[in-house]
């Protein structure tokens, strides 16, 4: 009877361990223009073979813990300063605060995080999705590569191997451009102008690093990238040229027609009527010699007024 009881106990223990193994990693392949990318998304399995009790343990505290950046049931231990924070953004905000000595300011190396602390039982442990002590799921979305935990899966998080980080919005809605070195909307797959390392620089308006920015980024017709909100603010202030290359950020043909009408009803004084100047077009890059006008000079090649005078 003792052996039977031990066998039953072992069977129950084995079943519980199997219940806890609920993480599934699935690999999908997405096509790029000249190559294929193999992505791996680590996510919580929707179905579990566990009991109701196990499910209740996993879901304890769901969406009740976290910070302004993520809903999660754990804290991370920063490998750079050995301090505890809710997430990497909380760390970066605290360590890059204006009150911090510039010599001590730094960002957390997110991929080097090794320890987390469960928010339910305060157990410190190696990075994993399920707490080794209380058995709670510390984040419904979990990426072992990025050390990312998040209970709010409505963001449709996914890990991009090309970028090397997790992004939001749903894998099916984005593709990775290897020349630009970042993920873009699938709508731009065959139409965006490629600029090498397009997102690996600061926003030209607010100077936040675009590659891992949490704010929406858009691609201008010239191929340069900028925050959507920053672009909107530019337009609100009647600024319609790329801050980096000065090309028009939208179709300006209707505006150029108004320029034509204004120039037509604004004759220049006689000393300037035959004055010719050289101009460079910011839109097409062509140079031309045109008649000077105080309002603007029109490119002879593309008919744009987005020009600058180079010689008198």
Protein backbone atom coordinates (compact mmCIF):
# COMPACT_ATOMS: atom_id res chain seq x y z
CA UNK A 1 0.00 0.00 0.00
CA UNK A 2 2.91 2.35 0.75
CA UNK A 3 4.23 1.94 -2.79
CA UNK A 4 0.76 2.59 -4.25
CA UNK A 5 0.38 5.76 -2.18
CA UNK A 6 3.82 6.96 -3.26
CA UNK A 7 2.96 6.24 -6.88
CA UNK A 8 -0.28 8.22 -6.61
CA UNK A 9 1.54 11.11 -4.92
CA UNK A 10 4.23 11.08 -7.63
CA UNK A 11 1.55 11.04 -10.33
CA UNK A 12 -0.18 14.06 -8.78
CA UNK A 13 3.12 15.95 -8.52
CA UNK A 14 3.92 15.13 -12.14
CA UNK A 15 0.48 16.36 -13.23
CA UNK A 16 0.98 19.65 -11.37
CA UNK A 17 4.35 20.19 -13.06
CA UNK A 18 2.75 19.56 -16.44
CA UNK A 19 0.04 22.10 -15.58
CA UNK A 20 2.69 24.75 -14.99
CA UNK A 21 4.30 24.18 -18.36
CA UNK A 22 1.87 26.43 -20.19
CA UNK A 23 4.26 28.56 -22.19
CA UNK A 24 4.28 27.94 -25.89
CA UNK A 25 6.73 29.32 -28.37
CA UNK A 26 5.68 29.37 -31.94
CA UNK A 27 7.80 30.33 -34.89
CA UNK A 28 6.41 32.04 -37.94
CA UNK A 29 8.14 33.15 -41.11
CA UNK A 30 7.47 36.52 -42.70
CA UNK A 31 8.77 37.51 -46.09
CA UNK A 32 10.93 40.58 -46.60
CA UNK A 33 11.72 42.05 -50.04
CA UNK A 34 14.96 40.12 -50.55
CA UNK A 35 15.05 37.69 -47.66
CA UNK A 36 13.02 35.73 -45.12
CA UNK A 37 12.83 36.39 -41.43
CA UNK A 38 12.18 33.80 -38.78
CA UNK A 39 10.32 35.31 -35.83
CA UNK A 40 9.63 33.71 -32.50
CA UNK A 41 6.74 34.82 -30.37
CA UNK A 42 6.60 33.68 -26.77
CA UNK A 43 3.09 33.78 -25.43
CA UNK A 44 0.85 32.24 -22.85
CA UNK A 45 -1.08 29.24 -24.12
CA UNK A 46 -4.80 29.91 -24.16
CA UNK A 47 -5.65 26.38 -23.16
CA UNK A 48 -4.24 24.51 -20.20
CA UNK A 49 -4.61 20.93 -19.09
CA UNK A 50 -4.57 22.12 -15.48
CA UNK A 51 -7.31 22.07 -12.90
CA UNK A 52 -9.54 25.00 -11.95
CA UNK A 53 -7.38 25.55 -8.88
CA UNK A 54 -4.24 25.84 -11.00
CA UNK A 55 -5.96 28.32 -13.31
CA UNK A 56 -6.99 30.44 -10.33
CA UNK A 57 -3.40 30.50 -9.08
CA UNK A 58 -2.10 31.57 -12.48
CA UNK A 59 -4.67 34.40 -12.77
CA UNK A 60 -4.28 35.78 -9.24
CA UNK A 61 -3.79 39.55 -9.33
CA UNK A 62 -4.36 39.76 -13.10
CA UNK A 63 -4.29 43.43 -14.26
CA UNK A 64 -4.04 44.62 -10.63
CA UNK A 65 -0.29 45.22 -10.51
CA UNK A 66 2.23 47.15 -12.55
CA UNK A 67 3.03 50.75 -13.42
CA UNK A 68 1.93 53.40 -15.90
CA UNK A 69 3.81 51.56 -18.64
CA UNK A 70 2.85 47.90 -18.13
CA UNK A 71 0.34 45.76 -16.25
CA UNK A 72 2.46 42.98 -14.75
CA UNK A 73 2.87 40.94 -11.58
CA UNK A 74 6.60 41.30 -11.04
CA UNK A 75 9.41 43.80 -10.62
CA UNK A 76 12.77 43.68 -12.38
CA UNK A 77 16.21 43.97 -10.84
CA UNK A 78 18.39 46.31 -12.88
CA UNK A 79 21.75 44.63 -13.64
CA UNK A 80 23.42 48.02 -13.97
CA UNK A 81 22.66 49.35 -10.49
CA UNK A 82 21.11 46.36 -8.67
CA UNK A 83 17.97 48.35 -7.82
CA UNK A 84 14.36 47.18 -8.12
CA UNK A 85 11.97 48.86 -10.58
CA UNK A 86 8.52 48.13 -12.00
CA UNK A 87 9.90 48.13 -15.57
CA UNK A 88 12.77 49.40 -17.70
CA UNK A 89 10.95 52.68 -18.47
CA UNK A 90 10.56 53.38 -14.76
CA UNK A 91 14.30 52.76 -14.37
CA UNK A 92 15.25 55.02 -17.28
CA UNK A 93 12.98 57.83 -16.10
CA UNK A 94 14.44 57.66 -12.59
CA UNK A 95 18.08 57.34 -13.65
CA UNK A 96 17.92 60.03 -16.35
CA UNK A 97 16.08 62.56 -14.22
CA UNK A 98 17.36 66.11 -14.33
CA UNK A 99 18.19 65.85 -10.61
CA UNK A 100 20.59 62.95 -11.22
CA UNK A 101 24.28 63.71 -11.67
CA UNK A 102 24.94 63.58 -15.44
CA UNK A 103 27.86 61.23 -14.79
CA UNK A 104 25.50 58.68 -13.23
CA UNK A 105 22.69 58.84 -15.79
CA UNK A 106 22.14 55.65 -17.78
CA UNK A 107 19.61 53.35 -19.44
CA UNK A 108 19.02 49.78 -18.39
CA UNK A 109 20.44 47.08 -20.70
CA UNK A 110 17.07 45.33 -21.10
CA UNK A 111 18.43 42.07 -22.50
CA UNK A 112 20.77 41.67 -19.53
CA UNK A 113 18.03 41.54 -16.89
CA UNK A 114 18.44 38.26 -14.99
CA UNK A 115 16.36 38.61 -11.81
CA UNK A 116 12.71 39.45 -11.14
CA UNK A 117 10.64 39.67 -7.97
CA UNK A 118 7.08 38.34 -7.83
CA UNK A 119 4.56 41.04 -6.86
CA UNK A 120 2.33 38.49 -5.12
CA UNK A 121 4.81 36.69 -2.83
CA UNK A 122 7.93 38.90 -3.13
CA UNK A 123 10.11 35.95 -4.18
CA UNK A 124 13.25 36.94 -6.09
CA UNK A 125 14.07 34.50 -8.90
CA UNK A 126 15.55 34.14 -12.35
CA UNK A 127 13.54 35.55 -15.24
CA UNK A 128 10.62 33.25 -16.02
CA UNK A 129 6.90 33.60 -16.70
CA UNK A 130 5.54 31.62 -13.74
CA UNK A 131 6.65 32.29 -10.15
CA UNK A 132 8.58 29.36 -8.73
CA UNK A 133 7.07 29.95 -5.27
CA UNK A 134 3.38 30.86 -5.57
CA UNK A 135 2.80 29.69 -9.14
CA UNK A 136 1.27 32.96 -10.36
CA UNK A 137 1.70 34.01 -14.00
CA UNK A 138 3.74 37.21 -13.79
CA UNK A 139 2.78 38.36 -17.27
CA UNK A 140 0.27 36.94 -19.73
CA UNK A 141 2.53 38.08 -22.55
CA UNK A 142 6.12 37.08 -21.88
CA UNK A 143 9.23 37.37 -24.02
CA UNK A 144 12.31 35.67 -22.64
CA UNK A 145 14.58 37.55 -25.05
CA UNK A 146 13.44 41.04 -24.08
CA UNK A 147 12.57 40.12 -20.49
CA UNK A 148 9.18 41.66 -21.13
CA UNK A 149 6.09 40.90 -19.01
CA UNK A 150 2.66 42.37 -19.74
CA UNK A 151 -0.84 41.32 -18.69
CA UNK A 152 -2.46 43.69 -21.19
CA UNK A 153 -2.42 41.58 -24.36
CA UNK A 154 -4.78 43.99 -26.16
CA UNK A 155 -1.61 45.71 -27.38
CA UNK A 156 -0.98 42.66 -29.62
CA UNK A 157 2.68 42.39 -28.66
CA UNK A 158 5.07 40.38 -30.79
CA UNK A 159 8.82 39.86 -30.90
CA UNK A 160 10.68 40.88 -34.07
CA UNK A 161 13.96 39.05 -34.55
CA UNK A 162 15.07 41.64 -37.10
CA UNK A 163 14.65 44.51 -34.62
CA UNK A 164 15.71 42.34 -31.70
CA UNK A 165 12.93 43.77 -29.50
CA UNK A 166 9.20 43.36 -28.90
CA UNK A 167 6.76 45.62 -30.70
CA UNK A 168 3.01 46.19 -30.49
CA UNK A 169 0.21 46.28 -33.05
CA UNK A 170 0.09 42.65 -34.19
CA UNK A 171 2.66 40.74 -36.23
CA UNK A 172 0.22 40.42 -39.13
CA UNK A 173 0.05 44.22 -39.50
CA UNK A 174 3.79 44.87 -39.79
CA UNK A 175 6.85 43.74 -41.75
CA UNK A 176 10.55 44.18 -41.08
CA UNK A 177 12.54 46.16 -43.67
CA UNK A 178 16.15 45.02 -43.43
CA UNK A 179 17.56 48.08 -45.21
CA UNK A 180 15.71 50.56 -43.00
CA UNK A 181 16.39 48.27 -40.04
CA UNK A 182 12.93 48.49 -38.49
CA UNK A 183 9.29 47.40 -38.67
CA UNK A 184 6.80 49.31 -40.81
CA UNK A 185 3.08 48.97 -41.46
CA UNK A 186 2.30 46.28 -44.03
CA UNK A 187 0.66 49.06 -46.10
CA UNK A 188 4.13 50.47 -46.80
CA UNK A 189 5.73 47.17 -47.84
CA UNK A 190 6.04 48.00 -51.55
CA UNK A 191 5.80 51.76 -51.44
CA UNK A 192 8.05 53.27 -48.77
CA UNK A 193 11.40 54.80 -49.80
CA UNK A 194 14.20 52.89 -48.07
CA UNK A 195 16.66 54.91 -45.99
CA UNK A 196 19.38 52.88 -44.30
CA UNK A 197 18.93 52.96 -40.54
CA UNK A 198 15.84 55.16 -40.89
CA UNK A 199 14.68 54.62 -37.32
CA UNK A 200 18.08 54.45 -35.66
CA UNK A 201 18.19 58.14 -34.83
CA UNK A 202 16.35 60.73 -32.77
CA UNK A 203 13.04 62.29 -33.79
CA UNK A 204 13.99 65.56 -35.57
CA UNK A 205 11.40 67.46 -33.53
CA UNK A 206 11.44 66.13 -29.94
CA UNK A 207 14.82 64.30 -30.12
CA UNK A 208 13.54 61.06 -28.59
CA UNK A 209 15.27 57.94 -29.96
CA UNK A 210 12.80 56.53 -32.48
CA UNK A 211 13.86 52.87 -32.70
CA UNK A 212 12.46 51.84 -29.33
CA UNK A 213 10.06 54.74 -28.81
CA UNK A 214 6.68 53.91 -27.26
CA UNK A 215 5.00 56.63 -29.36
CA UNK A 216 3.71 56.06 -32.90
CA UNK A 217 6.21 56.73 -35.68
CA UNK A 218 5.42 57.55 -39.30
CA UNK A 219 7.48 57.57 -42.50
CA UNK A 220 7.68 60.75 -44.57
CA UNK A 221 7.63 60.65 -48.41
CA UNK A 222 11.39 61.30 -48.36
CA UNK A 223 11.96 58.18 -46.24
CA UNK A 224 12.85 59.93 -43.00
CA UNK A 225 10.94 59.02 -39.85
CA UNK A 226 9.23 61.15 -37.24
CA UNK A 227 6.72 60.81 -34.41
CA UNK A 228 3.13 61.09 -35.62
CA UNK A 229 2.32 63.63 -32.92
CA UNK A 230 5.40 65.68 -33.81
CA UNK A 231 4.35 65.72 -37.47
CA UNK A 232 0.86 66.84 -36.48
CA UNK A 233 2.35 69.62 -34.37
CA UNK A 234 4.45 70.73 -37.33
CA UNK A 235 1.36 70.93 -39.53
CA UNK A 236 -0.52 72.83 -36.84
CA UNK A 237 2.26 75.43 -37.06
CA UNK A 238 2.13 75.44 -40.89
CA UNK A 239 5.46 73.63 -41.27
CA UNK A 240 5.28 71.26 -44.25
CA UNK A 241 8.94 70.45 -44.93
CA UNK A 242 10.98 67.57 -43.55
CA UNK A 243 13.23 68.93 -40.76
CA UNK A 244 16.12 66.81 -42.09
CA UNK A 245 16.08 67.25 -45.87
CA UNK A 246 13.48 70.01 -46.41
CA UNK A 247 11.39 67.97 -48.86
CA UNK A 248 7.62 68.46 -48.70
CA UNK A 249 5.93 66.10 -46.25
CA UNK A 250 2.64 65.98 -48.19
CA UNK A 251 1.05 66.87 -51.52
CA UNK A 252 1.45 70.65 -51.84
CA UNK A 253 0.00 71.09 -55.35
CA UNK A 254 -3.03 73.06 -54.12
CA UNK A 255 -0.75 75.38 -52.16
CA UNK A 256 1.45 75.94 -55.21
CA UNK A 257 -1.65 76.95 -57.21
CA UNK A 258 -2.38 79.64 -54.61
CA UNK A 259 1.24 80.81 -54.93
CA UNK A 260 0.72 81.10 -58.71
CA UNK A 261 -2.33 83.31 -58.16
CA UNK A 262 -0.62 85.48 -55.56
CA UNK A 263 2.44 86.03 -57.75
CA UNK A 264 0.22 86.87 -60.71
CA UNK A 265 -1.44 89.74 -58.80
CA UNK A 266 1.79 90.94 -57.18
CA UNK A 267 3.96 92.55 -59.87
CA UNK A 268 7.54 93.32 -58.93
CA UNK A 269 8.90 96.89 -59.08
CA UNK A 270 10.52 97.78 -62.39
CA UNK A 271 14.17 97.38 -61.16
CA UNK A 272 13.42 93.71 -60.31
CA UNK A 273 11.23 92.73 -63.25
CA UNK A 274 14.11 91.27 -65.25
CA UNK A 275 16.19 90.03 -62.34
CA UNK A 276 17.18 86.35 -62.68
CA UNK A 277 18.41 84.11 -59.86
CA UNK A 278 19.61 80.53 -59.47
CA UNK A 279 17.50 78.30 -57.23
CA UNK A 280 17.74 74.79 -55.83
CA UNK A 281 14.53 72.78 -55.51
CA UNK A 282 14.20 70.98 -52.18
CA UNK A 283 11.69 68.52 -53.65
CA UNK A 284 13.38 67.29 -56.84
CA UNK A 285 16.96 68.46 -56.21
CA UNK A 286 17.23 70.26 -59.58
CA UNK A 287 18.77 73.70 -60.08
CA UNK A 288 17.35 76.28 -62.44
CA UNK A 289 17.60 79.95 -63.37
CA UNK A 290 14.30 81.74 -62.84
CA UNK A 291 12.85 85.21 -62.55
CA UNK A 292 13.14 86.61 -59.06
CA UNK A 293 9.98 87.30 -57.06
CA UNK A 294 9.61 88.45 -53.49
CA UNK A 295 6.92 85.82 -52.75
CA UNK A 296 8.74 82.68 -53.95
CA UNK A 297 10.63 81.14 -56.86
CA UNK A 298 9.10 78.26 -58.83
CA UNK A 299 11.11 75.19 -59.85
CA UNK A 300 11.07 74.78 -63.64
CA UNK A 301 11.37 71.00 -63.33
CA UNK A 302 8.66 69.90 -60.85
CA UNK A 303 6.74 73.21 -60.48
CA UNK A 304 7.32 73.27 -56.72
CA UNK A 305 7.76 76.47 -54.76
CA UNK A 306 9.74 74.61 -52.08
CA UNK A 307 12.98 76.17 -53.31
CA UNK A 308 15.92 78.16 -52.04
CA UNK A 309 17.99 80.84 -53.79
CA UNK A 310 21.61 79.82 -54.31
CA UNK A 311 22.92 82.70 -56.43
CA UNK A 312 21.71 86.20 -57.28
